[in-house]
C-alpha atoms as a PDB file:
ATOM      1  CA  UNK A   1       7.958  -4.962  -3.945  1.00  0.00           C
ATOM      2  CA  UNK A   2      10.240  -5.733  -1.041  1.00  0.00           C
ATOM      3  CA  UNK A   3      10.858  -9.326  -0.116  1.00  0.00           C
ATOM      4  CA  UNK A   4       9.312  -8.710   3.313  1.00  0.00           C
ATOM      5  CA  UNK A   5       6.084  -7.559   1.614  1.00  0.00           C
ATOM      6  CA  UNK A   6       6.150 -10.659  -0.590  1.00  0.00           C
ATOM      7  CA  UNK A   7       6.336 -12.942   2.457  1.00  0.00           C
ATOM      8  CA  UNK A   8       3.670 -10.966   4.275  1.00  0.00           C
ATOM      9  CA  UNK A   9       1.314 -11.372   1.291  1.00  0.00           C
ATOM     10  CA  UNK A  10       2.180 -15.070   1.080  1.00  0.00           C
ATOM     11  CA  UNK A  11       1.430 -15.581   4.767  1.00  0.00           C
ATOM     12  CA  UNK A  12      -1.823 -13.599   4.563  1.00  0.00           C
ATOM     13  CA  UNK A  13      -3.090 -15.554   1.572  1.00  0.00           C
ATOM     14  CA  UNK A  14      -1.810 -19.080   2.215  1.00  0.00           C
ATOM     15  CA  UNK A  15      -0.892 -19.165   5.909  1.00  0.00           C
ATOM     16  CA  UNK A  16       2.644 -19.136   7.349  1.00  0.00           C
ATOM     17  CA  UNK A  17       3.320 -22.881   7.058  1.00  0.00           C
ATOM     18  CA  UNK A  18       1.784 -23.516   3.637  1.00  0.00           C
ATOM     19  CA  UNK A  19       3.297 -20.373   2.110  1.00  0.00           C
ATOM     20  CA  UNK A  20       6.807 -21.709   2.785  1.00  0.00           C
ATOM     21  CA  UNK A  21       5.919 -25.135   1.399  1.00  0.00           C
ATOM     22  CA  UNK A  22       4.321 -23.583  -1.680  1.00  0.00           C
ATOM     23  CA  UNK A  23       7.339 -21.364  -2.331  1.00  0.00           C
ATOM     24  CA  UNK A  24       9.728 -24.282  -1.920  1.00  0.00           C
ATOM     25  CA  UNK A  25       7.872 -27.049  -3.796  1.00  0.00           C
ATOM     26  CA  UNK A  26       5.459 -25.649  -6.399  1.00  0.00           C
ATOM     27  CA  UNK A  27       7.056 -25.060  -9.804  1.00  0.00           C
ATOM     28  CA  UNK A  28       5.626 -22.294 -11.948  1.00  0.00           C
ATOM     29  CA  UNK A  29       5.669 -22.339 -15.734  1.00  0.00           C
ATOM     30  CA  UNK A  30       5.570 -18.522 -15.781  1.00  0.00           C
ATOM     31  CA  UNK A  31       8.877 -18.512 -13.892  1.00  0.00           C
ATOM     32  CA  UNK A  32      10.638 -20.951 -16.223  1.00  0.00           C
ATOM     33  CA  UNK A  33       9.560 -24.078 -14.322  1.00  0.00           C
ATOM     34  CA  UNK A  34      11.209 -22.765 -11.162  1.00  0.00           C
ATOM     35  CA  UNK A  35       9.788 -22.569  -7.690  1.00  0.00           C
ATOM     36  CA  UNK A  36       9.202 -19.183  -6.091  1.00  0.00           C
ATOM     37  CA  UNK A  37      12.274 -19.723  -3.920  1.00  0.00           C
ATOM     38  CA  UNK A  38      14.415 -20.564  -6.949  1.00  0.00           C
ATOM     39  CA  UNK A  39      13.105 -17.592  -8.911  1.00  0.00           C
ATOM     40  CA  UNK A  40      13.755 -15.184  -6.045  1.00  0.00           C
ATOM     41  CA  UNK A  41      17.272 -16.587  -5.589  1.00  0.00           C
ATOM     42  CA  UNK A  42      17.872 -16.091  -9.321  1.00  0.00           C
ATOM     43  CA  UNK A  43      16.946 -12.422  -9.040  1.00  0.00           C
ATOM     44  CA  UNK A  44      13.392 -12.444 -10.370  1.00  0.00           C
ATOM     45  CA  UNK A  45      11.588  -9.453  -8.815  1.00  0.00           C
ATOM     46  CA  UNK A  46       9.344 -10.369  -5.890  1.00  0.00           C
ATOM     47  CA  UNK A  47       6.350  -8.680  -7.559  1.00  0.00           C
ATOM     48  CA  UNK A  48       6.743 -10.909 -10.630  1.00  0.00           C
ATOM     49  CA  UNK A  49       6.980 -14.008  -8.448  1.00  0.00           C
ATOM     50  CA  UNK A  50       3.923 -12.953  -6.440  1.00  0.00           C
ATOM     51  CA  UNK A  51       1.886 -12.319  -9.598  1.00  0.00           C
ATOM     52  CA  UNK A  52       2.906 -15.709 -11.043  1.00  0.00           C
ATOM     53  CA  UNK A  53       1.853 -17.444  -7.817  1.00  0.00           C
ATOM     54  CA  UNK A  54      -1.446 -15.569  -7.744  1.00  0.00           C
ATOM     55  CA  UNK A  55      -2.177 -16.583 -11.331  1.00  0.00           C
ATOM     56  CA  UNK A  56      -1.225 -20.228 -10.721  1.00  0.00           C
ATOM     57  CA  UNK A  57      -3.196 -20.482  -7.487  1.00  0.00           C
ATOM     58  CA  UNK A  58      -6.254 -18.556  -8.766  1.00  0.00           C
ATOM     59  CA  UNK A  59      -5.991 -15.820  -6.147  1.00  0.00           C
ATOM     60  CA  UNK A  60      -8.781 -13.361  -6.976  1.00  0.00           C
ATOM     61  CA  UNK A  61      -7.734  -9.799  -7.863  1.00  0.00           C
ATOM     62  CA  UNK A  62      -9.325  -8.334  -4.743  1.00  0.00           C
ATOM     63  CA  UNK A  63      -6.988 -10.390  -2.521  1.00  0.00           C
ATOM     64  CA  UNK A  64      -3.732  -9.810  -4.400  1.00  0.00           C
ATOM     65  CA  UNK A  65      -2.827  -6.757  -2.317  1.00  0.00           C
ATOM     66  CA  UNK A  66      -3.342  -8.456   1.045  1.00  0.00           C
ATOM     67  CA  UNK A  67      -5.572  -7.355   3.884  1.00  0.00           C
ATOM     68  CA  UNK A  68      -5.186  -3.641   3.127  1.00  0.00           C
ATOM     69  CA  UNK A  69      -7.242  -3.072  -0.032  1.00  0.00           C
ATOM     70  CA  UNK A  70      -5.223  -0.023  -1.087  1.00  0.00           C
ATOM     71  CA  UNK A  71      -2.850  -1.078  -3.885  1.00  0.00           C
ATOM     72  CA  UNK A  72       0.802  -0.154  -3.356  1.00  0.00           C
ATOM     73  CA  UNK A  73       2.221   2.652  -5.463  1.00  0.00           C
ATOM     74  CA  UNK A  74       4.625   1.639  -8.184  1.00  0.00           C
ATOM     75  CA  UNK A  75       7.949   3.372  -8.221  1.00  0.00           C
END
């Protein structure tokens, strides 16, 4: 997942303002008690960060791929 897709999904799910606050302030046990921003800066793949956020924030599976319901192909 590209970083631009990550931020697009974040904005779609949480809104542009809250998504930035969430990424900056919310620590995630699944990411070693790091925030999303810290994990991304440390090189954790964006998909892994997105999945950890979805799990922590109880995002239902049907909304994890954003507004387009077609799941992205894995490379």
